[in-house]
Amino acid sequence: YRDTIGVAYRTYLRTTVQLAEAESALWQLRYGFPQFINGSAEEQQRILGEQDKWYAIVEERLAAYGETAPDAEERRALTSLRAAYQRYKQARPKFFELWAAGEKDEAIAWHALTTTSFGAETVRAFAAQIALQRSFADQARAKGERNARLALALVTAITIALLGMLVIGYAHSVRLLRPIRALRA
């Protein structure tokens, strides 16, 4: 049972954290748009300067998660997640290019047409991946609980058998000792 808990910890907790950190970085990128539109020039530069950091976190965490995703269903979902994220990432630069060129209305229209929907698609893909991860963790927990119940039943059965053997052995030894006691008397 401890082995099952250890595997669950190493597998599901670590991978869940990786997914959560990647999703958090995605949200930092998504929140950057309204902050950029309403921000000062310094704020806009900060947002542009930080986006590579957020991209790196998303990609590193997804890569680490991908290395530990043994299930084919998880790998398929991860492929979909990465594809959605790539659409989002590829659409972002055009918004900033349009904005920098003074085409703010076009930038906002581009954002509404692409990055908003691609970002939402990526968020849904993260939610699906996390739900899948939760399902696998629940299955592993249930399996661990079944194994623990089975082990307890086995130990109980062995204990009962040993006690039965002890009682039989005691009864047998008492019967063997009766003639000896009778001789002494």
C-alpha atoms as a PDB file:
ATOM      1  CA  TYR A   1       0.000   0.000   0.000  1.00  0.00           C
ATOM      2  CA  ARG A   2       2.866   2.380   0.798  1.00  0.00           C
ATOM      3  CA  ASP A   3       4.362   1.699  -2.617  1.00  0.00           C
ATOM      4  CA  THR A   4       1.075   2.633  -4.247  1.00  0.00           C
ATOM      5  CA  ILE A   5       0.929   5.851  -2.245  1.00  0.00           C
ATOM      6  CA  GLY A   6       4.528   6.642  -3.183  1.00  0.00           C
ATOM      7  CA  VAL A   7       3.870   6.069  -6.863  1.00  0.00           C
ATOM      8  CA  ALA A   8       0.713   8.145  -6.688  1.00  0.00           C
ATOM      9  CA  TYR A   9       2.600  10.965  -5.011  1.00  0.00           C
ATOM     10  CA  ARG A  10       5.463  10.908  -7.473  1.00  0.00           C
ATOM     11  CA  THR A  11       3.202  10.553 -10.475  1.00  0.00           C
ATOM     12  CA  TYR A  12       0.006  12.430  -9.822  1.00  0.00           C
ATOM     13  CA  LEU A  13       0.998  15.156  -7.401  1.00  0.00           C
ATOM     14  CA  ARG A  14       4.077  16.140  -9.362  1.00  0.00           C
ATOM     15  CA  THR A  15       2.269  16.083 -12.708  1.00  0.00           C
ATOM     16  CA  THR A  16      -0.693  17.977 -11.321  1.00  0.00           C
ATOM     17  CA  VAL A  17       1.666  20.684 -10.086  1.00  0.00           C
ATOM     18  CA  GLN A  18       3.299  20.822 -13.526  1.00  0.00           C
ATOM     19  CA  LEU A  19      -0.081  21.290 -15.188  1.00  0.00           C
ATOM     20  CA  ALA A  20      -1.141  23.903 -12.629  1.00  0.00           C
ATOM     21  CA  GLU A  21       2.063  25.911 -13.079  1.00  0.00           C
ATOM     22  CA  ALA A  22       1.723  25.766 -16.875  1.00  0.00           C
ATOM     23  CA  GLU A  23      -1.889  26.876 -16.695  1.00  0.00           C
ATOM     24  CA  SER A  24      -1.010  29.696 -14.306  1.00  0.00           C
ATOM     25  CA  ALA A  25       1.635  30.954 -16.743  1.00  0.00           C
ATOM     26  CA  LEU A  26      -0.940  30.833 -19.547  1.00  0.00           C
ATOM     27  CA  TRP A  27      -3.251  33.006 -17.456  1.00  0.00           C
ATOM     28  CA  GLN A  28      -0.419  35.479 -16.922  1.00  0.00           C
ATOM     29  CA  LEU A  29      -0.118  35.741 -20.700  1.00  0.00           C
ATOM     30  CA  ARG A  30      -3.865  36.126 -21.122  1.00  0.00           C
ATOM     31  CA  TYR A  31      -4.130  38.784 -18.412  1.00  0.00           C
ATOM     32  CA  GLY A  32      -1.381  40.670 -20.201  1.00  0.00           C
ATOM     33  CA  PHE A  33      -3.730  41.825 -22.968  1.00  0.00           C
ATOM     34  CA  PRO A  34      -6.097  44.018 -20.949  1.00  0.00           C
ATOM     35  CA  GLN A  35      -3.166  45.267 -18.876  1.00  0.00           C
ATOM     36  CA  PHE A  36      -1.289  46.125 -22.074  1.00  0.00           C
ATOM     37  CA  ILE A  37      -4.247  47.911 -23.660  1.00  0.00           C
ATOM     38  CA  ASN A  38      -4.874  50.028 -20.559  1.00  0.00           C
ATOM     39  CA  GLY A  39      -1.297  50.303 -19.320  1.00  0.00           C
ATOM     40  CA  SER A  40       1.336  52.966 -19.555  1.00  0.00           C
ATOM     41  CA  ALA A  41       4.287  52.630 -21.934  1.00  0.00           C
ATOM     42  CA  GLU A  42       6.354  51.233 -19.047  1.00  0.00           C
ATOM     43  CA  GLU A  43       3.647  48.719 -18.201  1.00  0.00           C
ATOM     44  CA  GLN A  44       3.439  47.681 -21.845  1.00  0.00           C
ATOM     45  CA  GLN A  45       7.206  47.133 -21.982  1.00  0.00           C
ATOM     46  CA  ARG A  46       7.086  45.085 -18.800  1.00  0.00           C
ATOM     47  CA  ILE A  47       4.356  42.870 -20.256  1.00  0.00           C
ATOM     48  CA  LEU A  48       6.290  42.379 -23.483  1.00  0.00           C
ATOM     49  CA  GLY A  49       9.462  41.694 -21.505  1.00  0.00           C
ATOM     50  CA  GLU A  50       7.817  39.047 -19.326  1.00  0.00           C
ATOM     51  CA  GLN A  51       6.033  37.067 -22.005  1.00  0.00           C
ATOM     52  CA  ASP A  52       9.086  34.927 -22.869  1.00  0.00           C
ATOM     53  CA  LYS A  53       9.295  33.903 -19.215  1.00  0.00           C
ATOM     54  CA  TRP A  54       5.639  32.821 -19.251  1.00  0.00           C
ATOM     55  CA  TYR A  55       6.075  30.960 -22.562  1.00  0.00           C
ATOM     56  CA  ALA A  56       9.075  29.125 -21.113  1.00  0.00           C
ATOM     57  CA  ILE A  57       7.146  28.077 -18.001  1.00  0.00           C
ATOM     58  CA  VAL A  58       4.230  26.731 -20.044  1.00  0.00           C
ATOM     59  CA  GLU A  59       6.501  24.825 -22.386  1.00  0.00           C
ATOM     60  CA  GLU A  60       8.873  23.472 -19.721  1.00  0.00           C
ATOM     61  CA  ARG A  61       6.040  22.255 -17.511  1.00  0.00           C
ATOM     62  CA  LEU A  62       4.208  20.637 -20.412  1.00  0.00           C
ATOM     63  CA  ALA A  63       7.437  18.936 -21.502  1.00  0.00           C
ATOM     64  CA  ALA A  64       8.026  17.633 -17.958  1.00  0.00           C
ATOM     65  CA  TYR A  65       4.424  16.460 -17.768  1.00  0.00           C
ATOM     66  CA  GLY A  66       4.761  14.771 -21.160  1.00  0.00           C
ATOM     67  CA  GLU A  67       7.739  12.749 -19.939  1.00  0.00           C
ATOM     68  CA  THR A  68       5.616  11.190 -17.179  1.00  0.00           C
ATOM     69  CA  ALA A  69       2.349  10.692 -19.092  1.00  0.00           C
ATOM     70  CA  PRO A  70       2.363   6.914 -19.632  1.00  0.00           C
ATOM     71  CA  ASP A  71      -1.233   6.565 -20.756  1.00  0.00           C
ATOM     72  CA  ALA A  72      -2.135   6.865 -24.460  1.00  0.00           C
ATOM     73  CA  GLU A  73      -5.251   8.891 -23.616  1.00  0.00           C
ATOM     74  CA  GLU A  74      -3.132  11.351 -21.630  1.00  0.00           C
ATOM     75  CA  ARG A  75      -0.668  11.689 -24.501  1.00  0.00           C
ATOM     76  CA  ARG A  76      -3.493  12.345 -27.003  1.00  0.00           C
ATOM     77  CA  ALA A  77      -5.000  14.987 -24.741  1.00  0.00           C
ATOM     78  CA  LEU A  78      -1.564  16.538 -24.252  1.00  0.00           C
ATOM     79  CA  THR A  79      -1.084  16.711 -28.029  1.00  0.00           C
ATOM     80  CA  SER A  80      -4.407  18.593 -28.273  1.00  0.00           C
ATOM     81  CA  LEU A  81      -3.390  20.893 -25.433  1.00  0.00           C
ATOM     82  CA  ARG A  82      -0.052  21.688 -27.064  1.00  0.00           C
ATOM     83  CA  ALA A  83      -1.746  22.355 -30.411  1.00  0.00           C
ATOM     84  CA  ALA A  84      -4.224  24.782 -28.824  1.00  0.00           C
ATOM     85  CA  TYR A  85      -1.419  26.518 -26.961  1.00  0.00           C
ATOM     86  CA  GLN A  86       0.656  26.856 -30.153  1.00  0.00           C
ATOM     87  CA  ARG A  87      -2.285  28.510 -31.957  1.00  0.00           C
ATOM     88  CA  TYR A  88      -2.567  30.950 -29.071  1.00  0.00           C
ATOM     89  CA  LYS A  89       1.168  31.637 -28.955  1.00  0.00           C
ATOM     90  CA  GLN A  90       1.402  32.144 -32.722  1.00  0.00           C
ATOM     91  CA  ALA A  91      -1.522  34.593 -32.762  1.00  0.00           C
ATOM     92  CA  ARG A  92      -0.168  36.859 -30.004  1.00  0.00           C
ATOM     93  CA  PRO A  93       2.658  38.670 -31.842  1.00  0.00           C
ATOM     94  CA  LYS A  94       0.369  40.107 -34.517  1.00  0.00           C
ATOM     95  CA  PHE A  95      -1.652  41.916 -31.859  1.00  0.00           C
ATOM     96  CA  PHE A  96       1.475  43.648 -30.575  1.00  0.00           C
ATOM     97  CA  GLU A  97       2.688  44.399 -34.115  1.00  0.00           C
ATOM     98  CA  LEU A  98      -0.627  46.031 -34.999  1.00  0.00           C
ATOM     99  CA  TRP A  99      -0.642  47.970 -31.748  1.00  0.00           C
ATOM    100  CA  ALA A 100       2.921  49.200 -32.265  1.00  0.00           C
ATOM    101  CA  ALA A 101       2.007  50.305 -35.806  1.00  0.00           C
ATOM    102  CA  GLY A 102      -0.758  52.482 -34.349  1.00  0.00           C
ATOM    103  CA  GLU A 103      -3.521  50.190 -35.643  1.00  0.00           C
ATOM    104  CA  LYS A 104      -5.169  49.797 -32.265  1.00  0.00           C
ATOM    105  CA  ASP A 105      -8.652  48.998 -33.553  1.00  0.00           C
ATOM    106  CA  GLU A 106      -7.238  46.288 -35.803  1.00  0.00           C
ATOM    107  CA  ALA A 107      -5.167  44.956 -32.899  1.00  0.00           C
ATOM    108  CA  ILE A 108      -8.237  44.733 -30.704  1.00  0.00           C
ATOM    109  CA  ALA A 109     -10.205  43.058 -33.515  1.00  0.00           C
ATOM    110  CA  TRP A 110      -7.345  40.579 -34.032  1.00  0.00           C
ATOM    111  CA  HIS A 111      -7.307  39.868 -30.304  1.00  0.00           C
ATOM    112  CA  ALA A 112     -11.046  39.244 -30.263  1.00  0.00           C
ATOM    113  CA  LEU A 113     -10.874  37.057 -33.374  1.00  0.00           C
ATOM    114  CA  THR A 114      -7.840  34.939 -32.469  1.00  0.00           C
ATOM    115  CA  THR A 115      -6.115  35.169 -29.130  1.00  0.00           C
ATOM    116  CA  THR A 116      -9.314  35.296 -27.111  1.00  0.00           C
ATOM    117  CA  SER A 117     -10.749  32.154 -28.737  1.00  0.00           C
ATOM    118  CA  PHE A 118      -7.380  30.359 -28.901  1.00  0.00           C
ATOM    119  CA  GLY A 119      -6.727  31.238 -25.270  1.00  0.00           C
ATOM    120  CA  ALA A 120     -10.148  29.926 -24.258  1.00  0.00           C
ATOM    121  CA  GLU A 121      -9.501  26.755 -26.259  1.00  0.00           C
ATOM    122  CA  THR A 122      -6.197  26.312 -24.433  1.00  0.00           C
ATOM    123  CA  VAL A 123      -7.871  26.828 -21.051  1.00  0.00           C
ATOM    124  CA  ARG A 124     -10.457  24.153 -21.947  1.00  0.00           C
ATOM    125  CA  ALA A 125      -7.652  21.810 -23.012  1.00  0.00           C
ATOM    126  CA  PHE A 126      -5.899  22.393 -19.682  1.00  0.00           C
ATOM    127  CA  ALA A 127      -9.157  21.663 -17.851  1.00  0.00           C
ATOM    128  CA  ALA A 128      -9.582  18.424 -19.820  1.00  0.00           C
ATOM    129  CA  GLN A 129      -5.986  17.379 -19.111  1.00  0.00           C
ATOM    130  CA  ILE A 130      -6.359  18.110 -15.395  1.00  0.00           C
ATOM    131  CA  ALA A 131      -9.680  16.218 -15.280  1.00  0.00           C
ATOM    132  CA  LEU A 132      -8.023  13.256 -16.959  1.00  0.00           C
ATOM    133  CA  GLN A 133      -5.155  13.435 -14.476  1.00  0.00           C
ATOM    134  CA  ARG A 134      -7.655  13.550 -11.597  1.00  0.00           C
ATOM    135  CA  SER A 135      -9.454  10.511 -13.011  1.00  0.00           C
ATOM    136  CA  PHE A 136      -6.214   8.512 -13.200  1.00  0.00           C
ATOM    137  CA  ALA A 137      -5.284   9.567  -9.665  1.00  0.00           C
ATOM    138  CA  ASP A 138      -8.718   8.481  -8.409  1.00  0.00           C
ATOM    139  CA  GLN A 139      -8.311   5.121 -10.147  1.00  0.00           C
ATOM    140  CA  ALA A 140      -4.870   4.643  -8.578  1.00  0.00           C
ATOM    141  CA  ARG A 141      -6.242   5.563  -5.142  1.00  0.00           C
ATOM    142  CA  ALA A 142      -9.107   3.087  -5.532  1.00  0.00           C
ATOM    143  CA  LYS A 143      -6.671   0.379  -6.623  1.00  0.00           C
ATOM    144  CA  GLY A 144      -4.466   1.131  -3.603  1.00  0.00           C
ATOM    145  CA  GLU A 145      -7.461   0.911  -1.291  1.00  0.00           C
ATOM    146  CA  ARG A 146      -8.508  -2.429  -2.843  1.00  0.00           C
ATOM    147  CA  ASN A 147      -4.965  -3.752  -2.412  1.00  0.00           C
ATOM    148  CA  ALA A 148      -4.901  -2.585   1.208  1.00  0.00           C
ATOM    149  CA  ARG A 149      -8.245  -4.304   1.921  1.00  0.00           C
ATOM    150  CA  LEU A 150      -6.997  -7.476   0.247  1.00  0.00           C
ATOM    151  CA  ALA A 151      -3.770  -7.409   2.254  1.00  0.00           C
ATOM    152  CA  LEU A 152      -5.721  -6.870   5.487  1.00  0.00           C
ATOM    153  CA  ALA A 153      -8.052  -9.760   4.651  1.00  0.00           C
ATOM    154  CA  LEU A 154      -5.065 -11.987   3.904  1.00  0.00           C
ATOM    155  CA  VAL A 155      -3.317 -11.060   7.163  1.00  0.00           C
ATOM    156  CA  THR A 156      -6.561 -11.661   9.062  1.00  0.00           C
ATOM    157  CA  ALA A 157      -7.029 -15.073   7.420  1.00  0.00           C
ATOM    158  CA  ILE A 158      -3.430 -16.063   8.200  1.00  0.00           C
ATOM    159  CA  THR A 159      -3.817 -14.896  11.797  1.00  0.00           C
ATOM    160  CA  ILE A 160      -7.019 -16.897  12.212  1.00  0.00           C
ATOM    161  CA  ALA A 161      -5.355 -19.974  10.663  1.00  0.00           C
ATOM    162  CA  LEU A 162      -2.355 -19.623  12.984  1.00  0.00           C
ATOM    163  CA  LEU A 163      -4.599 -19.217  16.013  1.00  0.00           C
ATOM    164  CA  GLY A 164      -6.557 -22.284  14.924  1.00  0.00           C
ATOM    165  CA  MET A 165      -3.343 -24.254  14.565  1.00  0.00           C
ATOM    166  CA  LEU A 166      -2.235 -23.057  18.000  1.00  0.00           C
ATOM    167  CA  VAL A 167      -5.525 -24.164  19.574  1.00  0.00           C
ATOM    168  CA  ILE A 168      -5.343 -27.548  17.836  1.00  0.00           C
ATOM    169  CA  GLY A 169      -1.719 -27.949  18.907  1.00  0.00           C
ATOM    170  CA  TYR A 170      -2.583 -27.057  22.495  1.00  0.00           C
ATOM    171  CA  ALA A 171      -5.525 -29.459  22.523  1.00  0.00           C
ATOM    172  CA  HIS A 172      -3.375 -32.191  21.059  1.00  0.00           C
ATOM    173  CA  SER A 173      -0.594 -31.613  23.607  1.00  0.00           C
ATOM    174  CA  VAL A 174      -3.107 -31.698  26.478  1.00  0.00           C
ATOM    175  CA  ARG A 175      -4.378 -35.058  25.236  1.00  0.00           C
ATOM    176  CA  LEU A 176      -0.826 -36.411  25.031  1.00  0.00           C
ATOM    177  CA  LEU A 177      -0.047 -35.198  28.538  1.00  0.00           C
ATOM    178  CA  ARG A 178      -3.075 -36.881  30.176  1.00  0.00           C
ATOM    179  CA  PRO A 179      -1.569 -40.416  30.192  1.00  0.00           C
ATOM    180  CA  ILE A 180       1.686 -39.036  31.621  1.00  0.00           C
ATOM    181  CA  ARG A 181      -0.189 -37.237  34.391  1.00  0.00           C
ATOM    182  CA  ALA A 182      -2.179 -40.382  35.109  1.00  0.00           C
ATOM    183  CA  LEU A 183       1.022 -42.349  35.555  1.00  0.00           C
ATOM    184  CA  ARG A 184       2.400 -39.837  38.019  1.00  0.00           C
ATOM    185  CA  ALA A 185      -0.695 -39.923  40.088  1.00  0.00           C
END
